[in-house]
C-alpha atoms as a PDB file:
ATOM      1  CA  MET A   1     100.904 133.135  39.870  1.00  0.00           C
ATOM      2  CA  SER A   2      98.578 132.779  42.982  1.00  0.00           C
ATOM      3  CA  GLU A   3      97.156 129.059  43.530  1.00  0.00           C
ATOM      4  CA  ALA A   4      93.940 128.278  45.838  1.00  0.00           C
ATOM      5  CA  VAL A   5      93.750 125.725  48.037  1.00  0.00           C
ATOM      6  CA  CYS A   6      90.513 123.658  47.836  1.00  0.00           C
ATOM      7  CA  THR A   7      89.629 122.108  51.542  1.00  0.00           C
ATOM      8  CA  THR A   8      86.690 120.193  51.202  1.00  0.00           C
ATOM      9  CA  CYS A   9      88.801 116.970  51.080  1.00  0.00           C
ATOM     10  CA  PRO A  10      92.083 115.564  51.779  1.00  0.00           C
ATOM     11  CA  ARG A  11      93.013 115.791  48.129  1.00  0.00           C
ATOM     12  CA  HIS A  12      93.628 120.340  48.846  1.00  0.00           C
ATOM     13  CA  CYS A  13      93.701 120.481  45.779  1.00  0.00           C
ATOM     14  CA  ARG A  14      95.857 124.036  44.850  1.00  0.00           C
ATOM     15  CA  LEU A  15      94.475 125.480  42.080  1.00  0.00           C
ATOM     16  CA  ALA A  16      95.675 128.388  39.462  1.00  0.00           C
ATOM     17  CA  GLU A  17      92.512 130.947  38.631  1.00  0.00           C
ATOM     18  CA  GLY A  18      89.768 129.277  36.084  1.00  0.00           C
ATOM     19  CA  ALA A  19      91.383 125.629  37.309  1.00  0.00           C
ATOM     20  CA  PHE A  20      89.103 122.695  38.218  1.00  0.00           C
ATOM     21  CA  GLY A  21      89.909 120.337  40.763  1.00  0.00           C
ATOM     22  CA  ALA A  22      90.597 116.519  40.395  1.00  0.00           C
ATOM     23  CA  CYS A  23      86.443 116.010  41.593  1.00  0.00           C
ATOM     24  CA  ARG A  24      85.463 118.397  38.752  1.00  0.00           C
ATOM     25  CA  ALA A  25      83.002 119.937  41.092  1.00  0.00           C
ATOM     26  CA  ARG A  26      84.982 122.808  42.219  1.00  0.00           C
ATOM     27  CA  ARG A  27      86.982 125.428  40.591  1.00  0.00           C
ATOM     28  CA  ALA A  28      89.262 128.679  41.551  1.00  0.00           C
ATOM     29  CA  GLN A  29      87.667 132.198  41.687  1.00  0.00           C
ATOM     30  CA  ASN A  30      89.147 134.940  42.587  1.00  0.00           C
ATOM     31  CA  GLY A  31      91.361 134.105  45.028  1.00  0.00           C
ATOM     32  CA  ARG A  32      88.966 131.167  46.456  1.00  0.00           C
ATOM     33  CA  VAL A  33      87.633 128.011  45.846  1.00  0.00           C
ATOM     34  CA  ALA A  34      84.045 127.787  45.368  1.00  0.00           C
ATOM     35  CA  CYS A  35      81.419 125.103  44.428  1.00  0.00           C
ATOM     36  CA  ALA A  36      80.928 125.150  40.518  1.00  0.00           C
ATOM     37  CA  ASN A  37      78.401 122.080  40.265  1.00  0.00           C
ATOM     38  CA  TYR A  38      76.331 125.035  42.818  1.00  0.00           C
ATOM     39  CA  GLY A  39      72.413 124.079  41.880  1.00  0.00           C
ATOM     40  CA  ARG A  40      73.455 121.912  38.798  1.00  0.00           C
ATOM     41  CA  ILE A  41      71.159 118.631  38.300  1.00  0.00           C
ATOM     42  CA  THR A  42      71.826 116.045  36.243  1.00  0.00           C
ATOM     43  CA  SER A  43      69.480 113.451  38.250  1.00  0.00           C
ATOM     44  CA  MET A  44      66.328 113.546  39.952  1.00  0.00           C
ATOM     45  CA  ALA A  45      63.784 111.049  40.949  1.00  0.00           C
ATOM     46  CA  LEU A  46      61.368 109.323  43.758  1.00  0.00           C
ATOM     47  CA  ASP A  47      62.923 106.573  45.023  1.00  0.00           C
ATOM     48  CA  PRO A  48      62.172 103.714  47.907  1.00  0.00           C
ATOM     49  CA  ILE A  49      64.474 104.828  50.658  1.00  0.00           C
ATOM     50  CA  GLU A  50      65.129 101.309  50.619  1.00  0.00           C
ATOM     51  CA  LYS A  51      67.453 102.290  47.698  1.00  0.00           C
ATOM     52  CA  LYS A  52      70.239 104.295  48.993  1.00  0.00           C
ATOM     53  CA  PRO A  53      70.578 102.046  50.541  1.00  0.00           C
ATOM     54  CA  ILE A  54      68.748 102.602  53.973  1.00  0.00           C
ATOM     55  CA  ALA A  55      66.922  99.543  55.469  1.00  0.00           C
ATOM     56  CA  PHE A  56      66.199 100.783  59.168  1.00  0.00           C
ATOM     57  CA  PHE A  57      65.164 104.537  58.807  1.00  0.00           C
ATOM     58  CA  HIS A  58      61.604 104.932  57.521  1.00  0.00           C
ATOM     59  CA  PRO A  59      61.409 101.752  55.747  1.00  0.00           C
ATOM     60  CA  GLY A  60      58.531 101.717  52.559  1.00  0.00           C
ATOM     61  CA  ARG A  61      58.633 105.489  52.046  1.00  0.00           C
ATOM     62  CA  PRO A  62      59.953 107.241  48.979  1.00  0.00           C
ATOM     63  CA  VAL A  63      62.281 109.968  49.071  1.00  0.00           C
ATOM     64  CA  LEU A  64      63.460 112.693  46.596  1.00  0.00           C
ATOM     65  CA  SER A  65      66.490 112.056  45.220  1.00  0.00           C
ATOM     66  CA  ILE A  66      68.675 114.238  43.334  1.00  0.00           C
ATOM     67  CA  GLY A  67      72.364 114.558  41.911  1.00  0.00           C
ATOM     68  CA  SER A  68      75.004 116.925  40.626  1.00  0.00           C
ATOM     69  CA  TYR A  69      78.165 115.338  38.770  1.00  0.00           C
ATOM     70  CA  GLY A  70      81.017 115.108  40.007  1.00  0.00           C
ATOM     71  CA  CYS A  71      83.271 113.019  42.954  1.00  0.00           C
ATOM     72  CA  ASN A  72      86.660 113.522  44.408  1.00  0.00           C
ATOM     73  CA  LEU A  73      87.022 109.402  44.224  1.00  0.00           C
ATOM     74  CA  ARG A  74      88.449 107.634  40.934  1.00  0.00           C
ATOM     75  CA  CYS A  75      86.570 104.003  41.725  1.00  0.00           C
ATOM     76  CA  PRO A  76      87.399 101.820  38.869  1.00  0.00           C
ATOM     77  CA  PHE A  77      84.075 100.099  39.823  1.00  0.00           C
ATOM     78  CA  CYS A  78      82.266 103.630  39.951  1.00  0.00           C
ATOM     79  CA  GLN A  79      78.485 102.463  39.149  1.00  0.00           C
ATOM     80  CA  ASN A  80      77.278 106.028  38.239  1.00  0.00           C
ATOM     81  CA  ASP A  81      80.324 107.550  36.474  1.00  0.00           C
ATOM     82  CA  ALA A  82      78.435 109.160  33.954  1.00  0.00           C
ATOM     83  CA  ILE A  83      77.547 112.267  35.819  1.00  0.00           C
ATOM     84  CA  SER A  84      80.526 111.446  39.169  1.00  0.00           C
ATOM     85  CA  GLN A  85      83.222 111.344  36.674  1.00  0.00           C
ATOM     86  CA  HIS A  86      82.527 113.681  34.463  1.00  0.00           C
ATOM     87  CA  GLY A  87      82.510 117.642  34.775  1.00  0.00           C
ATOM     88  CA  GLU A  88      80.712 121.167  33.848  1.00  0.00           C
ATOM     89  CA  GLY A  89      79.805 120.593  29.877  1.00  0.00           C
ATOM     90  CA  GLU A  90      80.428 117.070  29.802  1.00  0.00           C
ATOM     91  CA  VAL A  91      77.025 116.042  31.097  1.00  0.00           C
ATOM     92  CA  ALA A  92      73.299 117.651  30.779  1.00  0.00           C
ATOM     93  CA  THR A  93      71.994 119.517  33.790  1.00  0.00           C
ATOM     94  CA  ASP A  94      68.975 121.503  34.890  1.00  0.00           C
ATOM     95  CA  SER A  95      69.307 124.636  37.366  1.00  0.00           C
ATOM     96  CA  ALA A  96      66.912 124.225  40.502  1.00  0.00           C
ATOM     97  CA  THR A  97      67.437 126.694  43.627  1.00  0.00           C
ATOM     98  CA  PRO A  98      67.591 125.095  47.745  1.00  0.00           C
ATOM     99  CA  SER A  99      64.222 126.796  47.814  1.00  0.00           C
ATOM    100  CA  GLU A 100      62.744 124.648  44.547  1.00  0.00           C
ATOM    101  CA  LEU A 101      63.927 121.740  45.370  1.00  0.00           C
ATOM    102  CA  SER A 102      62.474 121.750  48.868  1.00  0.00           C
ATOM    103  CA  ASP A 103      58.994 123.310  47.712  1.00  0.00           C
ATOM    104  CA  LEU A 104      59.206 120.027  45.595  1.00  0.00           C
ATOM    105  CA  ALA A 105      59.794 118.146  48.111  1.00  0.00           C
ATOM    106  CA  GLN A 106      56.796 119.867  50.253  1.00  0.00           C
ATOM    107  CA  ARG A 107      54.426 119.121  47.607  1.00  0.00           C
ATOM    108  CA  LEU A 108      55.612 114.815  46.948  1.00  0.00           C
ATOM    109  CA  ALA A 109      55.236 115.000  50.768  1.00  0.00           C
ATOM    110  CA  ARG A 110      51.807 116.002  50.441  1.00  0.00           C
ATOM    111  CA  GLU A 111      50.930 113.724  47.087  1.00  0.00           C
ATOM    112  CA  ARG A 112      53.338 111.063  47.957  1.00  0.00           C
ATOM    113  CA  GLY A 113      53.989 110.451  51.420  1.00  0.00           C
ATOM    114  CA  ASN A 114      57.905 111.697  50.376  1.00  0.00           C
ATOM    115  CA  LEU A 115      60.215 111.960  53.235  1.00  0.00           C
ATOM    116  CA  GLY A 116      61.929 115.016  52.006  1.00  0.00           C
ATOM    117  CA  ILE A 117      65.346 115.177  49.732  1.00  0.00           C
ATOM    118  CA  ALA A 118      68.339 112.358  49.610  1.00  0.00           C
ATOM    119  CA  TYR A 119      71.498 113.604  48.454  1.00  0.00           C
ATOM    120  CA  THR A 120      72.802 110.747  45.985  1.00  0.00           C
ATOM    121  CA  TYR A 121      73.825 109.931  42.337  1.00  0.00           C
ATOM    122  CA  ASN A 122      77.343 111.603  42.215  1.00  0.00           C
ATOM    123  CA  GLU A 123      79.457 112.525  45.453  1.00  0.00           C
ATOM    124  CA  PRO A 124      76.995 115.159  47.196  1.00  0.00           C
ATOM    125  CA  LEU A 125      80.059 116.632  49.395  1.00  0.00           C
ATOM    126  CA  VAL A 126      82.258 118.140  46.410  1.00  0.00           C
ATOM    127  CA  GLY A 127      78.770 120.447  46.588  1.00  0.00           C
ATOM    128  CA  TRP A 128      78.352 120.567  50.193  1.00  0.00           C
ATOM    129  CA  GLU A 129      77.199 123.998  50.239  1.00  0.00           C
ATOM    130  CA  PHE A 130      74.082 123.580  47.624  1.00  0.00           C
ATOM    131  CA  VAL A 131      73.599 120.452  50.776  1.00  0.00           C
ATOM    132  CA  ARG A 132      74.040 122.801  53.524  1.00  0.00           C
ATOM    133  CA  ASP A 133      71.128 125.492  51.907  1.00  0.00           C
ATOM    134  CA  CYS A 134      69.024 122.425  50.591  1.00  0.00           C
ATOM    135  CA  ALA A 135      69.194 120.888  54.071  1.00  0.00           C
ATOM    136  CA  ARG A 136      68.132 123.928  55.909  1.00  0.00           C
ATOM    137  CA  GLU A 137      65.730 124.797  53.636  1.00  0.00           C
ATOM    138  CA  VAL A 138      64.014 120.984  54.155  1.00  0.00           C
ATOM    139  CA  HIS A 139      64.636 120.845  57.698  1.00  0.00           C
ATOM    140  CA  ALA A 140      62.266 124.530  57.485  1.00  0.00           C
ATOM    141  CA  ARG A 141      59.309 122.612  55.804  1.00  0.00           C
ATOM    142  CA  GLY A 142      59.491 119.931  58.022  1.00  0.00           C
ATOM    143  CA  LEU A 143      60.985 117.198  56.309  1.00  0.00           C
ATOM    144  CA  LEU A 144      64.390 115.006  56.326  1.00  0.00           C
ATOM    145  CA  ASN A 145      67.703 114.912  54.770  1.00  0.00           C
ATOM    146  CA  VAL A 146      69.444 112.008  53.500  1.00  0.00           C
ATOM    147  CA  LEU A 147      73.009 111.354  52.615  1.00  0.00           C
ATOM    148  CA  VAL A 148      74.580 109.102  50.207  1.00  0.00           C
ATOM    149  CA  SER A 149      78.183 109.632  50.188  1.00  0.00           C
ATOM    150  CA  ASN A 150      81.823 108.424  50.369  1.00  0.00           C
ATOM    151  CA  GLY A 151      82.539 110.377  52.744  1.00  0.00           C
ATOM    152  CA  VAL A 152      85.761 111.949  52.253  1.00  0.00           C
ATOM    153  CA  ALA A 153      85.494 115.546  53.318  1.00  0.00           C
ATOM    154  CA  GLU A 154      87.465 117.415  55.893  1.00  0.00           C
ATOM    155  CA  ALA A 155      85.931 117.549  58.875  1.00  0.00           C
ATOM    156  CA  SER A 156      84.606 121.112  59.068  1.00  0.00           C
ATOM    157  CA  VAL A 157      82.500 119.664  55.856  1.00  0.00           C
ATOM    158  CA  THR A 158      80.856 117.278  57.890  1.00  0.00           C
ATOM    159  CA  GLU A 159      80.585 118.807  61.152  1.00  0.00           C
ATOM    160  CA  GLU A 160      78.826 121.907  59.678  1.00  0.00           C
ATOM    161  CA  LEU A 161      76.391 119.504  57.449  1.00  0.00           C
ATOM    162  CA  ALA A 162      76.065 116.817  60.157  1.00  0.00           C
ATOM    163  CA  PRO A 163      73.215 118.789  62.330  1.00  0.00           C
ATOM    164  CA  LEU A 164      71.070 119.187  59.190  1.00  0.00           C
ATOM    165  CA  ILE A 165      71.240 115.197  58.062  1.00  0.00           C
ATOM    166  CA  ASP A 166      68.438 112.779  59.667  1.00  0.00           C
ATOM    167  CA  ALA A 167      69.835 109.737  58.170  1.00  0.00           C
ATOM    168  CA  ALA A 168      73.238 108.852  55.918  1.00  0.00           C
ATOM    169  CA  ASN A 169      74.767 105.730  53.853  1.00  0.00           C
ATOM    170  CA  ILE A 170      78.682 106.123  53.798  1.00  0.00           C
ATOM    171  CA  ASP A 171      80.428 103.875  51.428  1.00  0.00           C
ATOM    172  CA  LEU A 172      83.159 102.581  53.358  1.00  0.00           C
ATOM    173  CA  LYS A 173      85.261 100.894  50.710  1.00  0.00           C
ATOM    174  CA  GLY A 174      88.243  99.015  52.135  1.00  0.00           C
ATOM    175  CA  PRO A 175      89.827  98.181  55.695  1.00  0.00           C
ATOM    176  CA  SER A 176      92.452 100.337  55.015  1.00  0.00           C
ATOM    177  CA  GLN A 177      94.621 103.102  53.613  1.00  0.00           C
ATOM    178  CA  ASP A 178      95.966 100.735  50.788  1.00  0.00           C
ATOM    179  CA  PHE A 179      92.250  99.758  49.368  1.00  0.00           C
ATOM    180  CA  TYR A 180      91.653 103.794  49.255  1.00  0.00           C
ATOM    181  CA  ASP A 181      94.912 104.251  47.279  1.00  0.00           C
ATOM    182  CA  TRP A 182      93.389 102.522  45.101  1.00  0.00           C
ATOM    183  CA  VAL A 183      90.055 104.515  44.759  1.00  0.00           C
ATOM    184  CA  GLY A 184      92.011 107.779  45.328  1.00  0.00           C
ATOM    185  CA  GLY A 185      90.728 108.380  48.525  1.00  0.00           C
ATOM    186  CA  ASP A 186      91.240 108.387  52.041  1.00  0.00           C
ATOM    187  CA  PHE A 187      90.407 105.605  55.030  1.00  0.00           C
ATOM    188  CA  ALA A 188      91.012 108.024  57.970  1.00  0.00           C
ATOM    189  CA  ALA A 189      88.487 110.410  56.313  1.00  0.00           C
ATOM    190  CA  ALA A 190      85.916 108.315  55.453  1.00  0.00           C
ATOM    191  CA  CYS A 191      85.886 106.718  58.779  1.00  0.00           C
ATOM    192  CA  ARG A 192      86.265 110.609  60.384  1.00  0.00           C
ATOM    193  CA  THR A 193      82.540 110.947  58.643  1.00  0.00           C
ATOM    194  CA  ILE A 194      81.124 107.860  59.915  1.00  0.00           C
ATOM    195  CA  LYS A 195      81.760 108.315  63.339  1.00  0.00           C
ATOM    196  CA  THR A 196      80.680 112.451  63.176  1.00  0.00           C
ATOM    197  CA  LEU A 197      77.240 111.559  61.555  1.00  0.00           C
ATOM    198  CA  HIS A 198      76.810 108.870  64.089  1.00  0.00           C
ATOM    199  CA  ALA A 199      77.769 111.252  67.125  1.00  0.00           C
ATOM    200  CA  ALA A 200      75.567 113.979  65.735  1.00  0.00           C
ATOM    201  CA  GLY A 201      72.555 111.790  66.297  1.00  0.00           C
ATOM    202  CA  CYS A 202      72.262 110.887  62.565  1.00  0.00           C
ATOM    203  CA  HIS A 203      70.988 107.214  61.709  1.00  0.00           C
ATOM    204  CA  VAL A 204      74.128 105.781  59.693  1.00  0.00           C
ATOM    205  CA  GLU A 205      73.949 103.128  57.751  1.00  0.00           C
ATOM    206  CA  VAL A 206      77.487 101.561  55.807  1.00  0.00           C
ATOM    207  CA  THR A 207      77.719 100.053  52.513  1.00  0.00           C
ATOM    208  CA  THR A 208      81.238  97.508  51.586  1.00  0.00           C
ATOM    209  CA  LEU A 209      81.270  96.388  47.859  1.00  0.00           C
ATOM    210  CA  VAL A 210      82.838  93.063  47.900  1.00  0.00           C
ATOM    211  CA  VAL A 211      85.207  93.171  45.165  1.00  0.00           C
ATOM    212  CA  PRO A 212      87.175  90.241  43.809  1.00  0.00           C
ATOM    213  CA  GLY A 213      90.666  90.122  45.023  1.00  0.00           C
ATOM    214  CA  ARG A 214      90.978  93.266  46.582  1.00  0.00           C
ATOM    215  CA  ASN A 215      88.581  93.398  50.087  1.00  0.00           C
ATOM    216  CA  ASP A 216      86.880  89.939  49.701  1.00  0.00           C
ATOM    217  CA  ALA A 217      88.920  88.721  52.379  1.00  0.00           C
ATOM    218  CA  GLU A 218      87.405  87.419  55.877  1.00  0.00           C
ATOM    219  CA  ALA A 219      89.909  89.879  57.532  1.00  0.00           C
ATOM    220  CA  ASP A 220      88.814  92.600  55.378  1.00  0.00           C
ATOM    221  CA  ILE A 221      85.263  92.335  56.150  1.00  0.00           C
ATOM    222  CA  ASP A 222      86.219  91.956  60.050  1.00  0.00           C
ATOM    223  CA  ALA A 223      88.121  94.853  60.167  1.00  0.00           C
ATOM    224  CA  ILE A 224      85.628  96.812  58.733  1.00  0.00           C
ATOM    225  CA  ALA A 225      82.244  95.159  61.404  1.00  0.00           C
ATOM    226  CA  SER A 226      85.036  95.676  64.267  1.00  0.00           C
ATOM    227  CA  PHE A 227      85.093  99.958  63.561  1.00  0.00           C
ATOM    228  CA  LEU A 228      81.953  99.700  63.194  1.00  0.00           C
ATOM    229  CA  ALA A 229      80.980  98.155  66.053  1.00  0.00           C
ATOM    230  CA  SER A 230      83.877 100.137  68.548  1.00  0.00           C
ATOM    231  CA  ILE A 231      81.025 103.192  66.954  1.00  0.00           C
ATOM    232  CA  SER A 232      77.375 101.083  67.867  1.00  0.00           C
ATOM    233  CA  PRO A 233      77.452  97.416  67.255  1.00  0.00           C
ATOM    234  CA  ASP A 234      73.324  98.627  65.984  1.00  0.00           C
ATOM    235  CA  ILE A 235      75.225 100.213  63.016  1.00  0.00           C
ATOM    236  CA  PRO A 236      73.857  98.078  59.990  1.00  0.00           C
ATOM    237  CA  LEU A 237      75.967  97.370  57.385  1.00  0.00           C
ATOM    238  CA  HIS A 238      75.572  96.419  53.446  1.00  0.00           C
ATOM    239  CA  VAL A 239      77.787  94.086  52.358  1.00  0.00           C
ATOM    240  CA  THR A 240      77.616  94.227  48.483  1.00  0.00           C
ATOM    241  CA  ARG A 241      77.852  91.989  45.584  1.00  0.00           C
ATOM    242  CA  PHE A 242      80.546  93.165  42.724  1.00  0.00           C
ATOM    243  CA  PHE A 243      79.088  93.526  38.837  1.00  0.00           C
ATOM    244  CA  PRO A 244      81.832  94.459  36.223  1.00  0.00           C
ATOM    245  CA  ARG A 245      81.833  98.330  35.974  1.00  0.00           C
ATOM    246  CA  PHE A 246      83.187 101.502  34.667  1.00  0.00           C
ATOM    247  CA  ARG A 247      86.775 100.329  34.097  1.00  0.00           C
ATOM    248  CA  LEU A 248      86.695  96.964  35.780  1.00  0.00           C
ATOM    249  CA  LEU A 249      85.177  95.251  33.487  1.00  0.00           C
ATOM    250  CA  ASP A 250      87.806  92.014  33.323  1.00  0.00           C
ATOM    251  CA  VAL A 251      86.984  90.977  37.238  1.00  0.00           C
ATOM    252  CA  PRO A 252      83.906  88.591  37.315  1.00  0.00           C
ATOM    253  CA  PRO A 253      80.689  88.993  39.917  1.00  0.00           C
ATOM    254  CA  THR A 254      81.385  88.447  43.317  1.00  0.00           C
ATOM    255  CA  PRO A 255      80.517  85.006  43.771  1.00  0.00           C
ATOM    256  CA  VAL A 256      76.839  85.341  45.906  1.00  0.00           C
ATOM    257  CA  ALA A 257      78.482  82.646  48.161  1.00  0.00           C
ATOM    258  CA  THR A 258      81.281  84.945  49.039  1.00  0.00           C
ATOM    259  CA  VAL A 259      78.929  87.895  49.761  1.00  0.00           C
ATOM    260  CA  ARG A 260      76.885  85.201  52.232  1.00  0.00           C
ATOM    261  CA  ARG A 261      80.064  84.266  54.043  1.00  0.00           C
ATOM    262  CA  LEU A 262      81.461  87.571  54.313  1.00  0.00           C
ATOM    263  CA  ALA A 263      77.935  88.947  55.969  1.00  0.00           C
ATOM    264  CA  ASP A 264      78.125  86.062  58.237  1.00  0.00           C
ATOM    265  CA  VAL A 265      82.114  87.256  59.723  1.00  0.00           C
ATOM    266  CA  ALA A 266      80.753  90.837  59.694  1.00  0.00           C
ATOM    267  CA  ARG A 267      77.184  89.371  62.221  1.00  0.00           C
ATOM    268  CA  THR A 268      79.775  88.555  64.927  1.00  0.00           C
ATOM    269  CA  ARG A 269      80.593  92.028  65.122  1.00  0.00           C
ATOM    270  CA  LEU A 270      77.450  93.546  64.526  1.00  0.00           C
ATOM    271  CA  ARG A 271      73.871  93.103  64.656  1.00  0.00           C
ATOM    272  CA  ARG A 272      72.258  94.202  61.659  1.00  0.00           C
ATOM    273  CA  VAL A 273      73.771  93.147  58.576  1.00  0.00           C
ATOM    274  CA  LEU A 274      72.393  92.770  54.841  1.00  0.00           C
ATOM    275  CA  VAL A 275      73.447  91.092  51.510  1.00  0.00           C
ATOM    276  CA  GLY A 276      72.742  93.442  48.371  1.00  0.00           C
ATOM    277  CA  ASN A 277      72.528  92.357  44.543  1.00  0.00           C
ATOM    278  CA  CYS A 278      72.613  88.879  45.314  1.00  0.00           C
END
């Protein structure tokens, strides 16, 4: 039986007809891999932009945040596992078209000062075609697009989306492929996404969750800060405190003092470093 190869992320899942990829959001259909979660919405809220977290892009304004299901990573500490680690039929969804969501965003812009749409909650890039189609509609209405992502996608995906994304927060989860092996991802792809978005003129901020015993050494954060500074020392970095979640319940919360110390390490290379969950 022939297989279809998914080229959305570096996993390159090889799928028999009807099978789902590791992300649970893409499926082989008619010899090709399609976005199975297209237009399937699990979560929607009008959030402060700072909640993404994005601190230096229209602060104080709300953004219509939407999410679907599925993710191509397997972070043991996932914060949204109820939707990101589930697939079709495993979580309640509503349906919406790009036009319907963009109309809603426009109405909320008039009534509540909404900036546009943020693609968030699960991993938006596993359904990148829906992000693309929504983003075009959003721009047509004079509104803005915000991406919250792990960034682990192939260059063809991020290069197509980059001109449509106005601001992004990318989770750079650790300083090396060794760390990404633990979460089932690709370090080089995440780094490439940050570079691609920044080069396209997107406002990029980065978040690193500090997990005790995994990426809490000064050298870890220094490596992340050094990489970001090589792109621009003005890229904001959110150094964030870990709390036990999902499958990582036996690790204690990161000490606040550790988070603040690592933020100081990052400040030797970056101009805008913030702490989160402290």
